[in-house]
């Protein structure tokens, strides 16, 4: 079991972790990210991404999809904390650039120090001071 953070929110999912690989059941992947395994490849809404020829096994094995490999293939960021079992499948630069161009902060959900999730939309209409920090 891992905690998965995506644009759709935070959820606990049954997964197999192998180093940098995050194997999810195809149904769990679709529920968490909107990406569905179809004969033509991995699809979300009207967009389908065919799997690279000769490398299908890097992405799909026995009805399970390596979500981290898919995310990297889409040029999206993947971050994980192995000790805590937390994986983040982030939005790509194109989506972030579009959101910044609108000058409207995108909604996101993050846990507080006690693990309770909070969304930016919870504070709509109120002033919010957001502080972030990174070790690098």
N, C-alpha and C. Protein backbone atom coordinates (compact mmCIF):
# COMPACT_ATOMS: atom_id res chain seq x y z
N UNK A 1 0.85 -1.18 0.00
CA UNK A 1 0.00 0.00 0.00
C UNK A 1 0.90 1.24 0.00
N UNK A 2 0.60 2.20 -0.89
CA UNK A 2 1.32 3.46 -0.93
C UNK A 2 0.32 4.61 -0.93
N UNK A 3 0.80 5.79 -0.57
CA UNK A 3 0.01 7.00 -0.68
C UNK A 3 0.39 7.67 -1.99
N UNK A 4 -0.59 7.94 -2.81
CA UNK A 4 -0.37 8.51 -4.13
C UNK A 4 -0.99 9.90 -4.19
N UNK A 5 -0.19 10.89 -4.55
CA UNK A 5 -0.67 12.26 -4.72
C UNK A 5 -0.65 12.59 -6.21
N UNK A 6 -1.81 12.97 -6.75
CA UNK A 6 -1.94 13.37 -8.14
C UNK A 6 -2.81 14.63 -8.19
N UNK A 7 -3.02 15.14 -9.38
CA UNK A 7 -3.90 16.30 -9.52
C UNK A 7 -5.32 15.98 -9.07
N UNK A 8 -5.66 14.70 -8.99
CA UNK A 8 -6.99 14.28 -8.54
C UNK A 8 -7.07 14.13 -7.03
N UNK A 9 -5.96 14.36 -6.33
CA UNK A 9 -5.98 14.30 -4.88
C UNK A 9 -5.08 13.22 -4.32
N UNK A 10 -5.26 12.97 -3.04
CA UNK A 10 -4.44 12.00 -2.33
C UNK A 10 -5.28 10.76 -2.07
N UNK A 11 -4.67 9.59 -2.30
CA UNK A 11 -5.38 8.34 -2.03
C UNK A 11 -4.38 7.24 -1.73
N UNK A 12 -4.84 6.29 -0.93
CA UNK A 12 -4.05 5.10 -0.64
C UNK A 12 -4.37 4.07 -1.73
N UNK A 13 -3.34 3.51 -2.35
CA UNK A 13 -3.55 2.53 -3.40
C UNK A 13 -2.69 1.30 -3.15
N UNK A 14 -3.20 0.17 -3.56
CA UNK A 14 -2.43 -1.07 -3.49
C UNK A 14 -1.47 -1.04 -4.67
N UNK A 15 -0.18 -1.14 -4.40
CA UNK A 15 0.82 -1.04 -5.46
C UNK A 15 2.01 -1.92 -5.13
N UNK A 16 2.75 -2.25 -6.17
CA UNK A 16 4.02 -2.97 -6.01
C UNK A 16 5.13 -1.99 -6.38
N UNK A 17 6.05 -1.78 -5.46
CA UNK A 17 7.15 -0.85 -5.69
C UNK A 17 8.41 -1.66 -5.93
N UNK A 18 9.10 -1.33 -7.02
CA UNK A 18 10.37 -1.97 -7.36
C UNK A 18 11.37 -0.85 -7.69
N UNK A 19 12.01 -0.32 -6.69
CA UNK A 19 12.95 0.79 -6.91
C UNK A 19 12.23 2.03 -7.39
N UNK A 20 12.47 2.41 -8.65
CA UNK A 20 11.85 3.59 -9.26
C UNK A 20 10.56 3.25 -10.01
N UNK A 21 10.09 2.03 -9.86
CA UNK A 21 8.89 1.58 -10.57
C UNK A 21 7.71 1.50 -9.60
N UNK A 22 6.56 1.95 -10.07
CA UNK A 22 5.33 1.94 -9.27
C UNK A 22 4.27 1.20 -10.07
N UNK A 23 4.08 -0.09 -9.78
CA UNK A 23 3.14 -0.93 -10.51
C UNK A 23 1.76 -0.85 -9.88
N UNK A 24 0.80 -0.34 -10.65
CA UNK A 24 -0.59 -0.24 -10.21
C UNK A 24 -1.47 -1.11 -11.10
N UNK A 25 -2.50 -1.69 -10.52
CA UNK A 25 -3.53 -2.35 -11.30
C UNK A 25 -4.10 -1.31 -12.26
N UNK A 26 -4.43 -1.72 -13.49
CA UNK A 26 -4.92 -0.77 -14.49
C UNK A 26 -6.13 0.01 -14.00
N UNK A 27 -7.02 -0.63 -13.25
CA UNK A 27 -8.19 0.07 -12.71
C UNK A 27 -7.81 1.12 -11.68
N UNK A 28 -6.84 0.81 -10.83
CA UNK A 28 -6.38 1.78 -9.83
C UNK A 28 -5.70 2.97 -10.50
N UNK A 29 -4.95 2.71 -11.58
CA UNK A 29 -4.31 3.80 -12.32
C UNK A 29 -5.36 4.74 -12.89
N UNK A 30 -6.40 4.17 -13.48
CA UNK A 30 -7.45 5.00 -14.07
C UNK A 30 -8.18 5.82 -13.01
N UNK A 31 -8.47 5.21 -11.88
CA UNK A 31 -9.16 5.93 -10.81
C UNK A 31 -8.30 7.07 -10.25
N UNK A 32 -7.00 6.83 -10.10
CA UNK A 32 -6.12 7.82 -9.50
C UNK A 32 -5.69 8.92 -10.46
N UNK A 33 -5.57 8.60 -11.76
CA UNK A 33 -5.00 9.57 -12.70
C UNK A 33 -5.87 9.89 -13.89
N UNK A 34 -6.86 9.04 -14.19
CA UNK A 34 -7.66 9.23 -15.39
C UNK A 34 -7.09 8.53 -16.60
N UNK A 35 -5.90 7.95 -16.52
CA UNK A 35 -5.28 7.23 -17.63
C UNK A 35 -5.75 5.78 -17.62
N UNK A 36 -6.29 5.33 -18.76
CA UNK A 36 -6.84 3.99 -18.89
C UNK A 36 -6.00 3.17 -19.87
N UNK A 37 -5.83 1.91 -19.55
CA UNK A 37 -5.12 0.99 -20.44
C UNK A 37 -6.11 0.48 -21.48
N UNK A 38 -5.79 0.75 -22.76
CA UNK A 38 -6.64 0.31 -23.87
C UNK A 38 -5.76 -0.37 -24.91
N UNK A 39 -6.36 -1.07 -25.87
CA UNK A 39 -5.54 -1.74 -26.89
C UNK A 39 -4.63 -0.78 -27.66
N UNK A 40 -5.05 0.46 -27.83
CA UNK A 40 -4.25 1.43 -28.58
C UNK A 40 -3.15 2.08 -27.74
N UNK A 41 -3.12 1.80 -26.45
CA UNK A 41 -2.10 2.37 -25.56
C UNK A 41 -2.73 2.84 -24.27
N UNK A 42 -2.15 3.86 -23.68
CA UNK A 42 -2.70 4.47 -22.47
C UNK A 42 -3.43 5.74 -22.88
N UNK A 43 -4.68 5.86 -22.45
CA UNK A 43 -5.53 6.95 -22.92
C UNK A 43 -6.13 7.71 -21.75
N UNK A 44 -6.28 9.02 -21.97
CA UNK A 44 -6.97 9.89 -21.01
C UNK A 44 -7.84 10.82 -21.83
N UNK A 45 -9.12 10.78 -21.58
CA UNK A 45 -10.09 11.53 -22.38
C UNK A 45 -9.91 11.13 -23.85
N UNK A 46 -9.66 12.10 -24.71
CA UNK A 46 -9.52 11.82 -26.15
C UNK A 46 -8.07 11.54 -26.56
N UNK A 47 -7.12 11.74 -25.65
CA UNK A 47 -5.71 11.57 -25.99
C UNK A 47 -5.23 10.16 -25.64
N UNK A 48 -4.56 9.52 -26.60
CA UNK A 48 -3.97 8.20 -26.37
C UNK A 48 -2.48 8.28 -26.66
N UNK A 49 -1.72 7.61 -25.82
CA UNK A 49 -0.27 7.55 -25.98
C UNK A 49 0.09 6.11 -26.29
N UNK A 50 0.53 5.84 -27.53
CA UNK A 50 0.92 4.46 -27.84
C UNK A 50 2.19 4.11 -27.07
N UNK A 51 2.30 2.86 -26.68
CA UNK A 51 3.49 2.41 -25.98
C UNK A 51 4.62 2.21 -26.99
N UNK A 52 5.84 2.58 -26.63
CA UNK A 52 6.95 2.45 -27.58
C UNK A 52 7.12 1.01 -28.06
N UNK A 53 7.25 0.80 -29.36
CA UNK A 53 7.42 -0.55 -29.88
C UNK A 53 8.64 -1.23 -29.24
N UNK A 54 8.44 -2.49 -28.88
CA UNK A 54 9.52 -3.25 -28.28
C UNK A 54 9.75 -2.95 -26.80
N UNK A 55 9.03 -1.98 -26.25
CA UNK A 55 9.21 -1.62 -24.84
C UNK A 55 7.91 -1.68 -24.05
N UNK A 56 6.89 -2.34 -24.60
CA UNK A 56 5.60 -2.42 -23.91
C UNK A 56 5.75 -3.02 -22.52
N UNK A 57 6.65 -3.99 -22.35
CA UNK A 57 6.87 -4.63 -21.06
C UNK A 57 7.43 -3.69 -20.01
N UNK A 58 8.02 -2.57 -20.45
CA UNK A 58 8.50 -1.55 -19.50
C UNK A 58 7.34 -0.80 -18.86
N UNK A 59 6.17 -0.83 -19.51
CA UNK A 59 5.02 -0.07 -19.07
C UNK A 59 3.88 -0.94 -18.54
N UNK A 60 3.66 -2.08 -19.16
CA UNK A 60 2.51 -2.93 -18.82
C UNK A 60 2.97 -4.37 -18.66
N UNK A 61 2.55 -4.99 -17.55
CA UNK A 61 2.83 -6.40 -17.31
C UNK A 61 1.64 -7.01 -16.57
N UNK A 62 0.98 -7.95 -17.22
CA UNK A 62 -0.10 -8.69 -16.58
C UNK A 62 -1.22 -7.84 -16.01
N UNK A 63 -1.67 -6.84 -16.74
CA UNK A 63 -2.76 -5.99 -16.27
C UNK A 63 -2.34 -4.92 -15.28
N UNK A 64 -1.04 -4.80 -15.03
CA UNK A 64 -0.51 -3.75 -14.16
C UNK A 64 0.30 -2.77 -15.00
N UNK A 65 0.24 -1.50 -14.62
CA UNK A 65 0.92 -0.44 -15.35
C UNK A 65 1.94 0.21 -14.43
N UNK A 66 3.15 0.44 -14.95
CA UNK A 66 4.16 1.17 -14.19
C UNK A 66 3.81 2.65 -14.33
N UNK A 67 3.13 3.18 -13.32
CA UNK A 67 2.66 4.57 -13.36
C UNK A 67 3.84 5.54 -13.43
N UNK A 68 4.94 5.23 -12.75
CA UNK A 68 6.10 6.12 -12.77
C UNK A 68 6.71 6.17 -14.17
N UNK A 69 6.81 5.02 -14.84
CA UNK A 69 7.35 4.99 -16.20
C UNK A 69 6.45 5.77 -17.16
N UNK A 70 5.12 5.61 -17.01
CA UNK A 70 4.19 6.37 -17.85
C UNK A 70 4.39 7.86 -17.62
N UNK A 71 4.46 8.28 -16.37
CA UNK A 71 4.58 9.70 -16.05
C UNK A 71 5.86 10.28 -16.64
N UNK A 72 6.96 9.54 -16.51
CA UNK A 72 8.24 10.01 -17.07
C UNK A 72 8.17 10.06 -18.59
N UNK A 73 7.50 9.08 -19.20
CA UNK A 73 7.34 9.04 -20.66
C UNK A 73 6.56 10.27 -21.14
N UNK A 74 5.65 10.76 -20.30
CA UNK A 74 4.87 11.96 -20.63
C UNK A 74 5.61 13.25 -20.28
N UNK A 75 6.87 13.14 -19.84
CA UNK A 75 7.69 14.29 -19.41
C UNK A 75 7.08 15.00 -18.21
N UNK A 76 6.49 14.24 -17.32
CA UNK A 76 5.94 14.77 -16.08
C UNK A 76 6.83 14.35 -14.91
N UNK A 77 6.88 15.15 -13.86
CA UNK A 77 7.74 14.82 -12.73
C UNK A 77 7.16 13.71 -11.84
N UNK A 78 8.06 12.86 -11.34
CA UNK A 78 7.72 11.80 -10.41
C UNK A 78 8.66 11.92 -9.22
N UNK A 79 8.10 11.97 -8.02
CA UNK A 79 8.90 12.05 -6.80
C UNK A 79 8.34 11.03 -5.82
N UNK A 80 9.23 10.38 -5.07
CA UNK A 80 8.72 9.45 -4.06
C UNK A 80 9.62 9.42 -2.84
N UNK A 81 8.99 9.13 -1.73
CA UNK A 81 9.67 8.97 -0.44
C UNK A 81 9.52 7.50 -0.09
N UNK A 82 10.59 6.76 -0.30
CA UNK A 82 10.54 5.31 -0.11
C UNK A 82 10.21 4.94 1.34
N UNK A 83 10.80 5.66 2.29
CA UNK A 83 10.60 5.34 3.71
C UNK A 83 9.14 5.49 4.13
N UNK A 84 8.45 6.47 3.59
CA UNK A 84 7.06 6.73 3.98
C UNK A 84 6.04 6.15 3.00
N UNK A 85 6.51 5.63 1.87
CA UNK A 85 5.60 5.05 0.89
C UNK A 85 4.72 6.09 0.22
N UNK A 86 5.28 7.27 -0.05
CA UNK A 86 4.52 8.35 -0.68
C UNK A 86 5.07 8.58 -2.09
N UNK A 87 4.18 8.63 -3.06
CA UNK A 87 4.53 8.90 -4.45
C UNK A 87 3.75 10.12 -4.93
N UNK A 88 4.41 11.00 -5.66
CA UNK A 88 3.76 12.17 -6.24
C UNK A 88 3.94 12.11 -7.75
N UNK A 89 2.82 12.12 -8.47
CA UNK A 89 2.83 12.19 -9.93
C UNK A 89 2.39 13.61 -10.28
N UNK A 90 3.36 14.45 -10.61
CA UNK A 90 3.10 15.87 -10.81
C UNK A 90 2.65 16.23 -12.21
N UNK A 91 2.22 17.46 -12.35
CA UNK A 91 1.82 17.98 -13.65
C UNK A 91 3.05 18.42 -14.42
N UNK A 92 2.99 18.29 -15.73
CA UNK A 92 4.10 18.68 -16.58
C UNK A 92 4.21 20.18 -16.74
N UNK A 93 5.32 20.60 -17.34
CA UNK A 93 5.61 22.02 -17.51
C UNK A 93 4.55 22.73 -18.35
N UNK A 94 4.01 22.06 -19.37
CA UNK A 94 2.99 22.69 -20.22
C UNK A 94 1.75 23.07 -19.43
N UNK A 95 1.28 22.14 -18.58
CA UNK A 95 0.10 22.41 -17.77
C UNK A 95 0.37 23.52 -16.76
N UNK A 96 1.56 23.50 -16.16
CA UNK A 96 1.90 24.53 -15.18
C UNK A 96 2.01 25.90 -15.85
N UNK A 97 2.60 25.95 -17.06
CA UNK A 97 2.74 27.21 -17.77
C UNK A 97 1.37 27.79 -18.13
N UNK A 98 0.45 26.93 -18.54
CA UNK A 98 -0.90 27.40 -18.87
C UNK A 98 -1.58 27.97 -17.64
N UNK A 99 -1.40 27.31 -16.50
CA UNK A 99 -2.01 27.80 -15.26
C UNK A 99 -1.40 29.13 -14.84
N UNK A 100 -0.09 29.27 -14.99
CA UNK A 100 0.56 30.54 -14.62
C UNK A 100 0.11 31.68 -15.53
N UNK A 101 -0.12 31.37 -16.80
CA UNK A 101 -0.56 32.39 -17.74
C UNK A 101 -1.92 32.97 -17.38
N UNK A 102 -2.74 32.22 -16.69
CA UNK A 102 -4.07 32.69 -16.32
C UNK A 102 -4.05 33.54 -15.05
N UNK A 103 -2.95 33.51 -14.32
CA UNK A 103 -2.80 34.22 -13.04
C UNK A 103 -3.77 33.71 -11.97
N UNK A 104 -4.31 32.51 -12.17
CA UNK A 104 -5.16 31.88 -11.17
C UNK A 104 -4.39 30.68 -10.65
N UNK A 105 -4.21 30.62 -9.35
CA UNK A 105 -3.46 29.51 -8.76
C UNK A 105 -4.23 28.21 -8.97
N UNK A 106 -3.55 27.17 -9.45
CA UNK A 106 -4.24 25.88 -9.61
C UNK A 106 -4.56 25.28 -8.25
N UNK A 107 -5.66 24.55 -8.20
CA UNK A 107 -6.02 23.89 -6.95
C UNK A 107 -5.06 22.74 -6.71
N UNK A 108 -4.68 22.53 -5.48
CA UNK A 108 -3.84 21.41 -5.10
C UNK A 108 -4.19 21.00 -3.69
N UNK A 109 -3.82 19.78 -3.36
CA UNK A 109 -4.08 19.24 -2.03
C UNK A 109 -2.78 18.69 -1.48
N UNK A 110 -2.44 19.09 -0.27
CA UNK A 110 -1.24 18.60 0.42
C UNK A 110 -1.58 18.28 1.86
N UNK A 111 -0.89 17.28 2.42
CA UNK A 111 -1.14 16.97 3.83
C UNK A 111 -0.40 17.93 4.75
N UNK A 112 -0.99 18.20 5.93
CA UNK A 112 -0.28 18.99 6.94
C UNK A 112 0.63 18.05 7.73
N UNK A 113 1.29 18.55 8.75
CA UNK A 113 2.23 17.74 9.52
C UNK A 113 1.56 16.56 10.22
N UNK A 114 0.25 16.61 10.39
CA UNK A 114 -0.48 15.51 11.01
C UNK A 114 -1.09 14.56 9.98
N UNK A 115 -0.83 14.83 8.69
CA UNK A 115 -1.34 13.96 7.64
C UNK A 115 -2.73 14.31 7.13
N UNK A 116 -3.36 15.35 7.69
CA UNK A 116 -4.69 15.78 7.23
C UNK A 116 -4.56 16.55 5.92
N UNK A 117 -5.29 16.17 4.87
CA UNK A 117 -5.17 16.88 3.59
C UNK A 117 -5.88 18.24 3.62
N UNK A 118 -5.28 19.21 2.98
CA UNK A 118 -5.85 20.55 2.83
C UNK A 118 -5.74 20.95 1.36
N UNK A 119 -6.80 21.48 0.81
CA UNK A 119 -6.81 21.94 -0.59
C UNK A 119 -6.84 23.46 -0.62
N UNK A 120 -6.21 24.02 -1.62
CA UNK A 120 -6.23 25.47 -1.78
C UNK A 120 -7.67 25.96 -1.94
N UNK A 121 -8.50 25.17 -2.63
CA UNK A 121 -9.89 25.58 -2.85
C UNK A 121 -10.69 25.69 -1.55
N UNK A 122 -10.21 25.05 -0.47
CA UNK A 122 -10.87 25.16 0.83
C UNK A 122 -10.84 26.61 1.34
N UNK A 123 -9.90 27.39 0.83
CA UNK A 123 -9.70 28.75 1.32
C UNK A 123 -10.13 29.80 0.30
N UNK A 124 -10.89 29.39 -0.71
CA UNK A 124 -11.33 30.33 -1.74
C UNK A 124 -12.06 31.51 -1.11
N UNK A 125 -11.68 32.72 -1.54
CA UNK A 125 -12.29 33.93 -1.00
C UNK A 125 -11.56 34.47 0.21
N UNK A 126 -10.55 33.74 0.69
CA UNK A 126 -9.77 34.19 1.84
C UNK A 126 -8.34 34.45 1.40
N UNK A 127 -7.65 35.29 2.12
CA UNK A 127 -6.24 35.53 1.84
C UNK A 127 -5.44 34.34 2.34
N UNK A 128 -4.49 33.90 1.50
CA UNK A 128 -3.68 32.74 1.84
C UNK A 128 -2.21 33.11 1.69
N UNK A 129 -1.43 32.78 2.69
CA UNK A 129 0.01 32.97 2.65
C UNK A 129 0.62 31.58 2.60
N UNK A 130 1.25 31.25 1.48
CA UNK A 130 1.79 29.92 1.28
C UNK A 130 3.31 29.98 1.39
N UNK A 131 3.87 29.16 2.23
CA UNK A 131 5.32 29.10 2.42
C UNK A 131 5.79 27.73 1.96
N UNK A 132 6.82 27.71 1.15
CA UNK A 132 7.39 26.43 0.74
C UNK A 132 8.89 26.46 1.00
N UNK A 133 9.46 25.28 1.07
CA UNK A 133 10.89 25.17 1.35
C UNK A 133 11.41 23.94 0.66
N UNK A 134 12.63 24.02 0.21
CA UNK A 134 13.31 22.86 -0.39
C UNK A 134 14.77 22.87 0.05
N UNK A 135 15.32 21.70 0.22
CA UNK A 135 16.68 21.60 0.74
C UNK A 135 17.74 21.97 -0.28
N UNK A 136 17.40 21.94 -1.56
CA UNK A 136 18.41 22.25 -2.55
C UNK A 136 18.58 23.73 -2.74
